[in-house]
Each structure stands twice: as structure tokens, then as C-alpha cells.
């Protein structure tokens, strides 16, 4: 064996350097995995936060609700409104009333008597252990008894307006609840039932023209065909009669036409 040579054929200390490089490589790979996993986790958490926004009623839902409440308010002398909130009023989503979309009834001089349904909807992120939920409350002006307002509030369940419905479709549910307020308040005896909508009288319709006889209307095709056949028959008979007269006039005297 030559002097200065390692038994394995390499220089002294070389195996230890290889082990150190391998260990450093494993450490770097482990740190990379941890960092990538942390970034993914943060992205998931931030993505969940975007699903907690409570949607407002659609424009057509609000536009359809306002005139219904206006008609009830004019008939019963009570203003009606809705309010959709998120996180206990810290984030108003939608308000409206018989006065218009975006116009609340509370503290409005035009509405000394008023009733309003408030729905507070809370959506939680997917990473949270808490469930989505909603609270529904019916409030009114001081002259309306709290017991009557509570009866209106509990009566919403008869229309299927329960917590799960407000969670699934809060915009539709709050507008539907506002429309139900006049009927439920009338059931408590606080106000008279709202007058039913009546159609405006239209112009007097002109009398229809005489329909004529059913005999001619139902059989005109058959009668037309029969008349045509009779006309053709008469025409053929006339032609035959004329030709027969001409043959008789052209025959010699004493001979009968058609005989030798």
C-alpha cells in the first residue's frame, strides 16, 4: 500500500465532508417545505375571509317592495321598513321603507308611527368552528306595544321566514318580511287590514260586430263547392241544348237528324 493514501482510495477527511453536505441539503429542503406550507395556509385563511360578506337585496327586489309598503302605509297610517345588517349594526347592508329605497322609517318626521324588521346576518369563515346565523327583530314607534311587535316577529315564521332562510338568502328574506308586516300588524288589532288593491276602470269596450248566422259560417266551403257544381251543370246543359237546336236546323226536310 502506498504511503499517504487512504484505504478507500481517497484523501483523509473526505467522507466527513460528504456527510456534512448531505445534512445541509436536508435542512434546506425542510425549511423550503415549511415556508411553502405556511404561504399556502395564509392564502387559504385570507380566501375564507372573502366569503363573509352579506349580500344586499337585488335591485328588482327593492323596487318591488317599496310600492307595496307605500300602499299599505297609505291605507293603515303606519310606515313600514326593512333593515339588513351584518355584525350587529356595525355594517349596514340595506335599508328601505315605503318612503323609498335607502330611506329608513326611524326618526323620519313623515312617519310618526312605524314598524321595521331588522335582520342581522353573520357569516363566518370556513376555518372557523362557528356556524353562520341570523337574528330577526321587529321594532316600532313608542305608541305600539312591545307585545304586539313580538307577535308580528314570531308570525314571520308562518311565512317560512326563519333563521335558515335569512342565512341562505338574506336580501330576499328581509324584503319578504317587510311585505308581511302590514298583514301581521293588522292581525294584532293595532291597525285595520290594508285595503285590497283595485283595478282602475278602463274605457268602455265597443260592442262586437254581428257574428252572423252559424249556418253560413260553418258551411261556406261546402255551399261554395255545391254552387260551383250547379253552375257547371247549367252551363253544360245550355251548351248541349244549343248544339241540338243547330243539328235540327241543319238536317234536310223530311229526315230526322241522326238517321240515314
Protein backbone atom coordinates (compact mmCIF):
# COMPACT_ATOMS: atom_id res chain seq x y z
CA UNK A 1 0.00 0.00 0.00
CA UNK A 2 1.49 3.35 -0.95
CA UNK A 3 2.17 5.87 1.79
CA UNK A 4 -0.24 8.84 2.16
CA UNK A 5 -3.16 7.04 0.56
CA UNK A 6 -6.43 6.42 2.37
CA UNK A 7 -7.53 2.80 2.43
CA UNK A 8 -10.68 3.71 0.48
CA UNK A 9 -8.68 5.27 -2.30
CA UNK A 10 -9.44 8.90 -1.33
CA UNK A 11 -7.83 11.56 0.76
CA UNK A 12 -8.19 11.66 4.55
CA UNK A 13 -11.36 13.53 5.76
CA UNK A 14 -13.29 13.26 2.50
CA UNK A 15 -16.19 11.03 3.85
CA UNK A 16 -16.95 13.52 6.65
CA UNK A 17 -17.30 16.36 4.11
CA UNK A 18 -19.81 14.37 2.10
CA UNK A 19 -21.91 13.68 5.21
CA UNK A 20 -21.92 17.38 6.10
CA UNK A 21 -23.12 18.39 2.60
CA UNK A 22 -25.93 15.84 2.71
CA UNK A 23 -27.10 17.11 6.10
CA UNK A 24 -27.14 20.70 4.87
CA UNK A 25 -29.21 19.64 1.86
CA UNK A 26 -31.85 18.02 4.07
CA UNK A 27 -32.06 21.13 6.27
CA UNK A 28 -32.60 23.38 3.25
CA UNK A 29 -35.31 21.08 1.87
CA UNK A 30 -37.10 21.01 5.23
CA UNK A 31 -37.06 24.81 5.54
CA UNK A 32 -38.41 25.15 1.99
CA UNK A 33 -41.32 22.80 2.72
CA UNK A 34 -42.22 24.72 5.89
CA UNK A 35 -42.17 28.08 4.12
CA UNK A 36 -44.27 26.86 1.19
CA UNK A 37 -46.78 25.24 3.53
CA UNK A 38 -47.05 28.44 5.55
CA UNK A 39 -47.71 30.52 2.45
CA UNK A 40 -50.43 28.13 1.32
CA UNK A 41 -52.05 28.20 4.74
CA UNK A 42 -52.09 32.00 4.82
CA UNK A 43 -53.65 32.08 1.37
CA UNK A 44 -56.40 29.72 2.46
CA UNK A 45 -57.18 31.80 5.53
CA UNK A 46 -57.31 35.01 3.50
CA UNK A 47 -59.51 33.33 0.89
CA UNK A 48 -62.04 32.35 3.56
CA UNK A 49 -62.45 35.95 4.67
CA UNK A 50 -63.92 36.92 1.29
CA UNK A 51 -66.98 34.70 1.83
CA UNK A 52 -68.25 36.55 4.90
CA UNK A 53 -69.87 39.44 3.01
CA UNK A 54 -73.67 39.59 3.40
CA UNK A 55 -75.34 40.29 0.02
CA UNK A 56 -77.90 43.09 -0.23
CA UNK A 57 -81.32 42.63 -1.83
CA UNK A 58 -81.33 42.77 -5.60
CA UNK A 59 -82.43 45.99 -7.26
CA UNK A 60 -85.67 44.48 -8.55
CA UNK A 61 -86.50 43.10 -5.09
CA UNK A 62 -86.15 46.53 -3.54
CA UNK A 63 -88.06 48.17 -6.39
CA UNK A 64 -90.96 45.72 -5.97
CA UNK A 65 -91.07 46.08 -2.18
CA UNK A 66 -91.30 49.88 -1.94
CA UNK A 67 -94.68 50.36 -3.73
CA UNK A 68 -96.27 47.53 -1.75
CA UNK A 69 -95.23 49.14 1.52
CA UNK A 70 -96.34 52.57 0.25
CA UNK A 71 -99.84 51.29 -0.48
CA UNK A 72 -100.11 49.65 2.95
CA UNK A 73 -98.81 52.77 4.69
CA UNK A 74 -101.37 54.97 2.92
CA UNK A 75 -104.17 52.60 3.91
CA UNK A 76 -103.19 51.89 7.54
CA UNK A 77 -101.41 55.10 8.57
CA UNK A 78 -98.24 53.23 9.61
CA UNK A 79 -94.88 53.36 7.87
CA UNK A 80 -93.13 50.07 7.16
CA UNK A 81 -89.45 49.44 6.51
CA UNK A 82 -86.61 46.95 6.47
CA UNK A 83 -83.02 46.93 7.64
CA UNK A 84 -80.37 44.33 6.79
CA UNK A 85 -77.21 44.44 8.90
CA UNK A 86 -74.05 42.45 9.44
CA UNK A 87 -72.27 42.04 12.74
CA UNK A 88 -74.84 43.79 14.91
CA UNK A 89 -75.27 47.01 13.02
CA UNK A 90 -71.60 47.76 12.56
CA UNK A 91 -72.00 47.22 8.83
CA UNK A 92 -75.45 48.26 7.44
CA UNK A 93 -76.11 46.36 4.22
CA UNK A 94 -79.51 47.68 3.08
CA UNK A 95 -82.30 49.90 4.40
CA UNK A 96 -85.59 50.93 2.85
CA UNK A 97 -89.23 51.67 3.51
CA UNK A 98 -92.43 52.91 1.96
CA UNK A 99 -90.59 56.24 1.60
CA UNK A 100 -88.14 54.70 -0.85
CA UNK A 101 -85.08 52.52 -1.25
CA UNK A 102 -82.35 53.66 1.13
CA UNK A 103 -84.77 55.75 3.26
CA UNK A 104 -85.31 54.39 6.81
CA UNK A 105 -88.50 55.00 8.78
CA UNK A 106 -86.83 55.56 12.14
CA UNK A 107 -86.80 59.21 13.24
CA UNK A 108 -88.38 60.38 9.98
CA UNK A 109 -90.88 63.25 10.53
CA UNK A 110 -93.11 61.79 7.82
CA UNK A 111 -93.52 58.59 9.88
CA UNK A 112 -94.76 59.25 13.43
CA UNK A 113 -95.95 55.61 13.56
CA UNK A 114 -93.67 52.99 12.10
CA UNK A 115 -92.73 49.32 12.16
CA UNK A 116 -89.42 47.97 10.91
CA UNK A 117 -87.99 44.48 10.53
CA UNK A 118 -84.26 44.15 11.18
CA UNK A 119 -82.21 41.14 10.16
CA UNK A 120 -78.65 40.79 11.39
CA UNK A 121 -76.76 38.11 9.46
CA UNK A 122 -73.29 36.88 10.34
CA UNK A 123 -71.18 34.71 8.04
CA UNK A 124 -68.09 33.07 9.50
CA UNK A 125 -65.01 31.92 7.61
CA UNK A 126 -64.60 28.28 6.67
CA UNK A 127 -61.66 27.97 9.03
CA UNK A 128 -63.86 28.99 11.97
CA UNK A 129 -65.68 26.46 14.11
CA UNK A 130 -68.66 28.83 14.50
CA UNK A 131 -71.71 28.47 12.25
CA UNK A 132 -73.43 31.15 10.20
CA UNK A 133 -76.51 32.55 11.88
CA UNK A 134 -79.08 35.34 11.72
CA UNK A 135 -81.22 37.22 14.22
CA UNK A 136 -84.55 38.79 13.31
CA UNK A 137 -86.12 41.62 15.29
CA UNK A 138 -89.25 43.73 14.73
CA UNK A 139 -89.24 47.19 16.27
CA UNK A 140 -91.71 50.06 16.15
CA UNK A 141 -92.61 53.52 17.35
CA UNK A 142 -93.23 54.00 21.12
CA UNK A 143 -97.02 54.03 20.72
CA UNK A 144 -97.03 50.41 19.53
CA UNK A 145 -96.94 47.88 22.35
CA UNK A 146 -93.91 45.61 22.55
CA UNK A 147 -96.15 42.55 22.90
CA UNK A 148 -97.79 43.35 19.57
CA UNK A 149 -94.40 43.77 17.92
CA UNK A 150 -93.30 40.43 19.34
CA UNK A 151 -96.43 38.81 17.88
CA UNK A 152 -95.51 40.25 14.49
CA UNK A 153 -91.95 38.98 14.89
CA UNK A 154 -93.00 35.42 15.73
CA UNK A 155 -95.61 35.49 12.97
CA UNK A 156 -92.89 35.73 10.32
CA UNK A 157 -92.25 32.02 10.78
CA UNK A 158 -95.70 31.30 9.30
CA UNK A 159 -94.38 32.66 6.00
CA UNK A 160 -91.31 30.43 6.21
CA UNK A 161 -89.10 33.37 7.22
CA UNK A 162 -86.95 31.55 9.76
CA UNK A 163 -83.26 31.90 10.59
CA UNK A 164 -82.02 29.44 7.95
CA UNK A 165 -83.82 31.34 5.19
CA UNK A 166 -82.22 34.62 6.22
CA UNK A 167 -78.81 32.91 6.20
CA UNK A 168 -79.33 31.35 2.76
CA UNK A 169 -80.83 34.42 1.01
CA UNK A 170 -80.81 37.45 3.34
CA UNK A 171 -81.77 40.01 0.68
CA UNK A 172 -84.89 38.20 -0.48
CA UNK A 173 -85.86 37.25 3.07
CA UNK A 174 -85.73 40.76 4.53
CA UNK A 175 -87.83 42.19 1.68
CA UNK A 176 -90.35 39.36 2.04
CA UNK A 177 -90.53 40.02 5.78
CA UNK A 178 -91.17 43.73 5.19
CA UNK A 179 -94.06 42.93 2.88
CA UNK A 180 -95.58 40.66 5.55
CA UNK A 181 -95.54 43.38 8.23
CA UNK A 182 -98.89 45.06 7.31
CA UNK A 183 -100.80 41.77 7.45
CA UNK A 184 -99.23 40.63 10.72
CA UNK A 185 -99.74 44.02 12.37
CA UNK A 186 -103.40 44.02 11.34
CA UNK A 187 -103.82 40.59 12.97
CA UNK A 188 -102.81 42.10 16.32
CA UNK A 189 -105.61 44.68 16.05
CA UNK A 190 -103.27 47.66 16.12
CA UNK A 191 -104.40 48.73 12.63
CA UNK A 192 -107.19 47.81 10.27
CA UNK A 193 -106.38 45.46 7.39
CA UNK A 194 -104.86 47.16 4.40
CA UNK A 195 -107.25 47.91 1.58
CA UNK A 196 -107.09 45.46 -1.28
CA UNK A 197 -105.73 46.96 -4.49
CA UNK A 198 -108.44 47.76 -7.01
CA UNK A 199 -108.03 47.97 -10.74
CA UNK A 200 -108.61 51.30 -12.40
CA UNK A 201 -111.79 51.42 -14.52
CA UNK A 202 -110.93 51.13 -18.15
CA UNK A 203 -112.61 52.57 -21.21
CA UNK A 204 -115.94 51.07 -22.23
CA UNK A 205 -115.35 48.36 -24.77
CA UNK A 206 -117.04 48.80 -28.15
CA UNK A 207 -119.76 46.24 -28.93
CA UNK A 208 -118.68 43.36 -31.07
CA UNK A 209 -119.96 43.21 -34.65
CA UNK A 210 -122.81 40.89 -35.55
CA UNK A 211 -121.45 37.40 -35.76
CA UNK A 212 -123.92 36.39 -38.49
CA UNK A 213 -125.57 33.03 -39.00
CA UNK A 214 -123.75 29.92 -37.88
CA UNK A 215 -125.21 28.07 -40.90
CA UNK A 216 -123.27 30.20 -43.40
CA UNK A 217 -120.13 30.46 -41.23
CA UNK A 218 -119.77 26.71 -40.68
CA UNK A 219 -120.77 25.51 -44.18
CA UNK A 220 -119.50 28.20 -46.55
CA UNK A 221 -116.96 25.89 -48.19
CA UNK A 222 -119.47 23.15 -48.85
CA UNK A 223 -122.02 25.63 -50.19
CA UNK A 224 -119.44 27.25 -52.45
CA UNK A 225 -118.49 23.87 -53.94
CA UNK A 226 -122.15 22.95 -54.47
CA UNK A 227 -122.85 26.25 -56.18
CA UNK A 228 -119.89 25.70 -58.49
CA UNK A 229 -121.12 22.25 -59.49
CA UNK A 230 -124.62 23.56 -60.20
CA UNK A 231 -123.15 26.34 -62.33
CA UNK A 232 -121.08 23.89 -64.37
CA UNK A 233 -124.12 21.64 -64.81
CA UNK A 234 -126.25 24.51 -66.04
CA UNK A 235 -123.52 25.57 -68.44
CA UNK A 236 -123.18 22.08 -69.92
CA UNK A 237 -126.94 21.75 -70.26
CA UNK A 238 -127.14 25.08 -72.12
CA UNK A 239 -124.31 24.11 -74.49
CA UNK A 240 -125.95 20.77 -75.24
CA UNK A 241 -129.35 22.37 -75.86
CA UNK A 242 -127.87 24.90 -78.30
CA UNK A 243 -125.95 22.25 -80.23
CA UNK A 244 -129.08 20.06 -80.51
CA UNK A 245 -131.02 23.01 -81.95
CA UNK A 246 -128.35 23.64 -84.54
CA UNK A 247 -128.33 19.98 -85.64
CA UNK A 248 -132.07 20.02 -86.18
CA UNK A 249 -131.88 23.21 -88.21
CA UNK A 250 -129.16 21.81 -90.49
CA UNK A 251 -130.95 18.45 -91.28
CA UNK A 252 -132.78 18.06 -94.72
CA UNK A 253 -136.55 18.30 -94.71
CA UNK A 254 -138.34 15.03 -94.00
CA UNK A 255 -135.31 13.41 -92.35
CA UNK A 256 -134.78 13.03 -88.72
CA UNK A 257 -131.36 14.11 -87.58
CA UNK A 258 -129.24 11.12 -86.73
CA UNK A 259 -130.99 8.65 -89.18
CA UNK A 260 -129.69 7.57 -92.65
